[in-house]
Amino acid sequence: MLNSTLFHVSNQKRGRLARSSIKLLRDDQGHITHYISVFSDITENKQRQENLQKQAHFDPLTGLPNRVLLHERLDQAISRARRQDHLFAVCFMDLDGFKQVNDTLGHKVATTC
């Protein structure tokens, strides 16, 4: 059985993602007589997967990357630096009193600071 994933554009000019499976049917002598193809629209599954990734990596209130994404990106950067024999540095800043800004002026003001 041949399996493939392909990109299909519908008549409404919206991109849809489809998975196809193709099976070859042979006669008694082993010659191909027919092809059977089944297409499955997996667009909604991909969208759900992307939404889960976004929820896992971004703060719902601010839309900013969260610690999980920070750790993943740091791991990637460190690995890349090691592979390429480059130096790597991280600058960490602690903002004193940031909680007070949030509590007194609200999250909307705090995210614009």
N, C-alpha and C. Protein backbone atom coordinates (compact mmCIF):
# COMPACT_ATOMS: atom_id res chain seq x y z
N MET A 1 0.84 -1.18 0.00
CA MET A 1 0.00 0.00 0.00
C MET A 1 0.89 1.23 0.00
N LEU A 2 0.58 2.20 -0.84
CA LEU A 2 1.29 3.46 -0.89
C LEU A 2 0.52 4.47 -0.04
N ASN A 3 1.19 5.20 0.81
CA ASN A 3 0.55 6.23 1.62
C ASN A 3 1.20 7.56 1.32
N SER A 4 0.39 8.60 1.30
CA SER A 4 0.95 9.93 1.08
C SER A 4 0.07 10.96 1.75
N THR A 5 0.63 12.13 1.98
CA THR A 5 -0.13 13.27 2.46
C THR A 5 -0.02 14.34 1.40
N LEU A 6 -1.14 14.95 1.04
CA LEU A 6 -1.11 15.95 0.00
C LEU A 6 -1.91 17.16 0.42
N PHE A 7 -1.64 18.27 -0.25
CA PHE A 7 -2.35 19.50 0.02
C PHE A 7 -3.35 19.72 -1.11
N HIS A 8 -4.60 19.93 -0.75
CA HIS A 8 -5.67 20.09 -1.74
C HIS A 8 -6.33 21.45 -1.54
N VAL A 9 -6.54 22.18 -2.61
CA VAL A 9 -7.22 23.47 -2.54
C VAL A 9 -8.64 23.27 -3.05
N SER A 10 -9.61 23.63 -2.21
CA SER A 10 -11.02 23.45 -2.58
C SER A 10 -11.47 24.55 -3.51
N ASN A 11 -12.72 24.45 -4.00
CA ASN A 11 -13.29 25.44 -4.90
C ASN A 11 -13.44 26.81 -4.23
N GLN A 12 -13.52 26.82 -2.89
CA GLN A 12 -13.70 28.08 -2.18
C GLN A 12 -12.37 28.80 -1.94
N LYS A 13 -11.30 28.28 -2.53
CA LYS A 13 -9.95 28.84 -2.43
C LYS A 13 -9.42 28.84 -1.00
N ARG A 14 -9.94 27.94 -0.17
CA ARG A 14 -9.42 27.75 1.17
C ARG A 14 -8.59 26.49 1.15
N GLY A 15 -7.43 26.54 1.77
CA GLY A 15 -6.58 25.36 1.79
C GLY A 15 -7.13 24.28 2.69
N ARG A 16 -7.12 23.06 2.23
CA ARG A 16 -7.55 21.90 3.01
C ARG A 16 -6.40 20.90 2.99
N LEU A 17 -6.21 20.23 4.08
CA LEU A 17 -5.17 19.22 4.16
C LEU A 17 -5.82 17.85 4.12
N ALA A 18 -5.31 16.99 3.27
CA ALA A 18 -5.91 15.66 3.12
C ALA A 18 -4.82 14.59 3.20
N ARG A 19 -5.19 13.45 3.72
CA ARG A 19 -4.31 12.28 3.73
C ARG A 19 -4.91 11.28 2.75
N SER A 20 -4.05 10.73 1.91
CA SER A 20 -4.55 9.75 0.96
C SER A 20 -3.84 8.41 1.14
N SER A 21 -4.57 7.36 0.90
CA SER A 21 -4.02 6.01 0.89
C SER A 21 -4.33 5.41 -0.47
N ILE A 22 -3.33 4.82 -1.09
CA ILE A 22 -3.53 4.20 -2.40
C ILE A 22 -3.13 2.74 -2.31
N LYS A 23 -4.03 1.87 -2.74
CA LYS A 23 -3.76 0.44 -2.73
C LYS A 23 -3.79 -0.06 -4.17
N LEU A 24 -2.82 -0.89 -4.51
CA LEU A 24 -2.74 -1.49 -5.84
C LEU A 24 -3.39 -2.87 -5.79
N LEU A 25 -4.29 -3.14 -6.73
CA LEU A 25 -4.89 -4.47 -6.84
C LEU A 25 -4.26 -5.19 -8.02
N ARG A 26 -3.90 -6.44 -7.81
CA ARG A 26 -3.23 -7.22 -8.85
C ARG A 26 -4.07 -8.45 -9.21
N ASP A 27 -3.88 -8.91 -10.44
CA ASP A 27 -4.55 -10.14 -10.86
C ASP A 27 -3.70 -11.35 -10.44
N ASP A 28 -4.10 -12.53 -10.87
CA ASP A 28 -3.39 -13.76 -10.49
C ASP A 28 -1.95 -13.80 -10.99
N GLN A 29 -1.67 -13.08 -12.07
CA GLN A 29 -0.32 -13.05 -12.63
C GLN A 29 0.53 -11.94 -12.01
N GLY A 30 -0.04 -11.16 -11.11
CA GLY A 30 0.71 -10.10 -10.44
C GLY A 30 0.67 -8.76 -11.16
N HIS A 31 -0.11 -8.66 -12.23
CA HIS A 31 -0.23 -7.39 -12.95
C HIS A 31 -1.21 -6.47 -12.23
N ILE A 32 -0.88 -5.21 -12.21
CA ILE A 32 -1.77 -4.22 -11.58
C ILE A 32 -3.02 -4.07 -12.44
N THR A 33 -4.17 -4.25 -11.80
CA THR A 33 -5.44 -4.13 -12.53
C THR A 33 -6.25 -2.90 -12.10
N HIS A 34 -6.09 -2.51 -10.85
CA HIS A 34 -6.88 -1.38 -10.34
C HIS A 34 -6.07 -0.65 -9.26
N TYR A 35 -6.46 0.59 -9.07
CA TYR A 35 -5.95 1.39 -7.96
C TYR A 35 -7.15 1.79 -7.11
N ILE A 36 -7.00 1.70 -5.82
CA ILE A 36 -8.03 2.17 -4.91
C ILE A 36 -7.42 3.29 -4.09
N SER A 37 -8.09 4.43 -4.09
CA SER A 37 -7.59 5.59 -3.36
C SER A 37 -8.67 6.08 -2.40
N VAL A 38 -8.27 6.36 -1.17
CA VAL A 38 -9.17 6.89 -0.17
C VAL A 38 -8.57 8.20 0.35
N PHE A 39 -9.37 9.25 0.31
CA PHE A 39 -8.93 10.55 0.81
C PHE A 39 -9.66 10.87 2.10
N SER A 40 -8.93 11.38 3.06
CA SER A 40 -9.52 11.80 4.33
C SER A 40 -9.11 13.24 4.59
N ASP A 41 -10.08 14.09 4.85
CA ASP A 41 -9.80 15.49 5.18
C ASP A 41 -9.30 15.54 6.63
N ILE A 42 -8.06 15.98 6.81
CA ILE A 42 -7.47 16.04 8.16
C ILE A 42 -7.22 17.49 8.59
N THR A 43 -7.88 18.43 7.90
CA THR A 43 -7.69 19.85 8.21
C THR A 43 -8.05 20.18 9.66
N GLU A 44 -9.22 19.71 10.11
CA GLU A 44 -9.65 20.01 11.48
C GLU A 44 -8.71 19.38 12.50
N ASN A 45 -8.23 18.18 12.24
CA ASN A 45 -7.27 17.54 13.15
C ASN A 45 -6.00 18.37 13.26
N LYS A 46 -5.51 18.86 12.13
CA LYS A 46 -4.29 19.69 12.12
C LYS A 46 -4.54 21.00 12.87
N GLN A 47 -5.71 21.59 12.68
CA GLN A 47 -6.03 22.85 13.37
C GLN A 47 -6.09 22.63 14.88
N ARG A 48 -6.70 21.51 15.31
CA ARG A 48 -6.75 21.19 16.74
C ARG A 48 -5.33 21.00 17.29
N GLN A 49 -4.50 20.31 16.53
CA GLN A 49 -3.12 20.08 16.95
C GLN A 49 -2.37 21.41 17.08
N GLU A 50 -2.55 22.32 16.13
CA GLU A 50 -1.91 23.63 16.20
C GLU A 50 -2.42 24.44 17.39
N ASN A 51 -3.74 24.36 17.67
CA ASN A 51 -4.31 25.06 18.83
C ASN A 51 -3.73 24.53 20.13
N LEU A 52 -3.58 23.20 20.23
CA LEU A 52 -2.98 22.61 21.43
C LEU A 52 -1.54 23.07 21.60
N GLN A 53 -0.80 23.15 20.51
CA GLN A 53 0.58 23.63 20.57
C GLN A 53 0.61 25.07 21.06
N LYS A 54 -0.32 25.89 20.55
CA LYS A 54 -0.37 27.29 20.97
C LYS A 54 -0.70 27.40 22.46
N GLN A 55 -1.68 26.61 22.92
CA GLN A 55 -2.05 26.63 24.33
C GLN A 55 -0.90 26.18 25.21
N ALA A 56 -0.11 25.25 24.73
CA ALA A 56 1.01 24.72 25.51
C ALA A 56 2.18 25.69 25.57
N HIS A 57 2.30 26.60 24.60
CA HIS A 57 3.50 27.43 24.50
C HIS A 57 3.27 28.93 24.67
N PHE A 58 2.02 29.38 24.78
CA PHE A 58 1.77 30.82 24.90
C PHE A 58 0.79 31.11 26.02
N ASP A 59 1.02 32.22 26.71
CA ASP A 59 0.16 32.65 27.80
C ASP A 59 -1.19 33.10 27.23
N PRO A 60 -2.30 32.59 27.76
CA PRO A 60 -3.60 32.94 27.20
C PRO A 60 -3.98 34.41 27.43
N LEU A 61 -3.48 35.03 28.48
CA LEU A 61 -3.82 36.41 28.79
C LEU A 61 -3.05 37.39 27.89
N THR A 62 -1.75 37.20 27.79
CA THR A 62 -0.91 38.15 27.07
C THR A 62 -0.58 37.71 25.66
N GLY A 63 -0.67 36.41 25.40
CA GLY A 63 -0.26 35.90 24.09
C GLY A 63 1.24 35.78 23.94
N LEU A 64 1.95 36.03 25.03
CA LEU A 64 3.42 35.96 24.99
C LEU A 64 3.89 34.52 25.21
N PRO A 65 5.06 34.20 24.67
CA PRO A 65 5.61 32.85 24.91
C PRO A 65 5.75 32.57 26.39
N ASN A 66 5.53 31.31 26.79
CA ASN A 66 5.62 30.94 28.20
C ASN A 66 6.94 30.23 28.50
N ARG A 67 7.09 29.76 29.73
CA ARG A 67 8.33 29.11 30.15
C ARG A 67 8.61 27.82 29.40
N VAL A 68 7.56 27.08 29.07
CA VAL A 68 7.74 25.82 28.33
C VAL A 68 8.44 26.11 27.00
N LEU A 69 7.93 27.11 26.27
CA LEU A 69 8.53 27.47 24.99
C LEU A 69 9.94 28.01 25.19
N LEU A 70 10.14 28.80 26.25
CA LEU A 70 11.47 29.32 26.55
C LEU A 70 12.46 28.17 26.75
N HIS A 71 12.09 27.18 27.53
CA HIS A 71 12.98 26.04 27.78
C HIS A 71 13.26 25.27 26.49
N GLU A 72 12.24 25.07 25.67
CA GLU A 72 12.44 24.36 24.40
C GLU A 72 13.40 25.13 23.50
N ARG A 73 13.20 26.44 23.39
CA ARG A 73 14.06 27.26 22.52
C ARG A 73 15.49 27.34 23.08
N LEU A 74 15.61 27.41 24.39
CA LEU A 74 16.96 27.40 24.98
C LEU A 74 17.67 26.09 24.70
N ASP A 75 16.96 24.98 24.87
CA ASP A 75 17.55 23.67 24.57
C ASP A 75 18.00 23.59 23.11
N GLN A 76 17.18 24.10 22.21
CA GLN A 76 17.54 24.10 20.79
C GLN A 76 18.77 24.97 20.53
N ALA A 77 18.79 26.14 21.13
CA ALA A 77 19.91 27.06 20.92
C ALA A 77 21.21 26.49 21.49
N ILE A 78 21.12 25.88 22.67
CA ILE A 78 22.31 25.27 23.28
C ILE A 78 22.82 24.12 22.42
N SER A 79 21.91 23.28 21.94
CA SER A 79 22.30 22.16 21.08
C SER A 79 22.95 22.66 19.79
N ARG A 80 22.37 23.69 19.19
CA ARG A 80 22.93 24.25 17.95
C ARG A 80 24.32 24.83 18.21
N ALA A 81 24.48 25.54 19.33
CA ALA A 81 25.78 26.11 19.67
C ALA A 81 26.83 25.01 19.87
N ARG A 82 26.44 23.94 20.52
CA ARG A 82 27.37 22.81 20.72
C ARG A 82 27.76 22.17 19.39
N ARG A 83 26.75 21.93 18.54
CA ARG A 83 27.03 21.30 17.23
C ARG A 83 27.97 22.14 16.39
N GLN A 84 27.78 23.45 16.43
CA GLN A 84 28.56 24.36 15.60
C GLN A 84 29.79 24.90 16.33
N ASP A 85 30.00 24.42 17.56
CA ASP A 85 31.14 24.84 18.38
C ASP A 85 31.17 26.36 18.55
N HIS A 86 29.99 26.93 18.85
CA HIS A 86 29.86 28.37 19.09
C HIS A 86 29.60 28.63 20.57
N LEU A 87 29.84 29.86 20.97
CA LEU A 87 29.51 30.26 22.33
C LEU A 87 28.03 30.60 22.40
N PHE A 88 27.49 30.54 23.62
CA PHE A 88 26.08 30.82 23.81
C PHE A 88 25.92 31.54 25.14
N ALA A 89 25.07 32.56 25.19
CA ALA A 89 24.85 33.30 26.43
C ALA A 89 23.36 33.59 26.60
N VAL A 90 22.94 33.70 27.85
CA VAL A 90 21.56 34.05 28.18
C VAL A 90 21.60 35.20 29.18
N CYS A 91 20.78 36.21 28.94
CA CYS A 91 20.68 37.33 29.86
C CYS A 91 19.33 37.22 30.57
N PHE A 92 19.35 37.14 31.88
CA PHE A 92 18.13 37.01 32.66
C PHE A 92 17.93 38.32 33.42
N MET A 93 16.74 38.91 33.29
CA MET A 93 16.44 40.16 33.98
C MET A 93 15.28 39.92 34.93
N ASP A 94 15.46 40.33 36.16
CA ASP A 94 14.40 40.23 37.16
C ASP A 94 13.86 41.63 37.40
N LEU A 95 12.59 41.82 37.16
CA LEU A 95 11.98 43.13 37.31
C LEU A 95 11.39 43.25 38.71
N ASP A 96 12.05 44.02 39.55
CA ASP A 96 11.55 44.23 40.91
C ASP A 96 10.28 45.07 40.87
N GLY A 97 9.30 44.67 41.66
CA GLY A 97 8.07 45.43 41.78
C GLY A 97 7.09 45.24 40.63
N PHE A 98 7.35 44.30 39.75
CA PHE A 98 6.45 44.09 38.61
C PHE A 98 5.07 43.62 39.07
N LYS A 99 5.05 42.81 40.12
CA LYS A 99 3.76 42.35 40.66
C LYS A 99 2.94 43.54 41.15
N GLN A 100 3.60 44.51 41.74
CA GLN A 100 2.89 45.70 42.23
C GLN A 100 2.29 46.48 41.05
N VAL A 101 3.00 46.57 39.94
CA VAL A 101 2.46 47.24 38.75
C VAL A 101 1.21 46.50 38.28
N ASN A 102 1.29 45.17 38.23
CA ASN A 102 0.12 44.36 37.83
C ASN A 102 -1.05 44.60 38.77
N ASP A 103 -0.77 44.56 40.08
CA ASP A 103 -1.84 44.66 41.07
C ASP A 103 -2.48 46.04 41.13
N THR A 104 -1.69 47.09 40.95
CA THR A 104 -2.24 48.44 41.09
C THR A 104 -2.77 49.02 39.77
N LEU A 105 -2.07 48.75 38.67
CA LEU A 105 -2.47 49.36 37.40
C LEU A 105 -3.17 48.38 36.45
N GLY A 106 -3.09 47.10 36.77
CA GLY A 106 -3.75 46.09 35.94
C GLY A 106 -2.83 45.48 34.90
N HIS A 107 -3.24 44.32 34.40
CA HIS A 107 -2.44 43.56 33.43
C HIS A 107 -2.26 44.31 32.11
N LYS A 108 -3.28 45.09 31.72
CA LYS A 108 -3.20 45.80 30.44
C LYS A 108 -2.06 46.81 30.46
N VAL A 109 -1.92 47.54 31.54
CA VAL A 109 -0.83 48.52 31.67
C VAL A 109 0.50 47.80 31.82
N ALA A 110 0.52 46.74 32.61
CA ALA A 110 1.76 46.02 32.89
C ALA A 110 2.35 45.40 31.63
N THR A 111 1.51 44.92 30.73
CA THR A 111 2.04 44.31 29.50
C THR A 111 2.56 45.32 28.50
N THR A 112 2.24 46.62 28.70
CA THR A 112 2.76 47.64 27.81
C THR A 112 4.04 48.27 28.35
N CYS A 113 4.39 47.94 29.60
CA CYS A 113 5.61 48.51 30.20
C CYS A 113 6.85 47.95 29.56
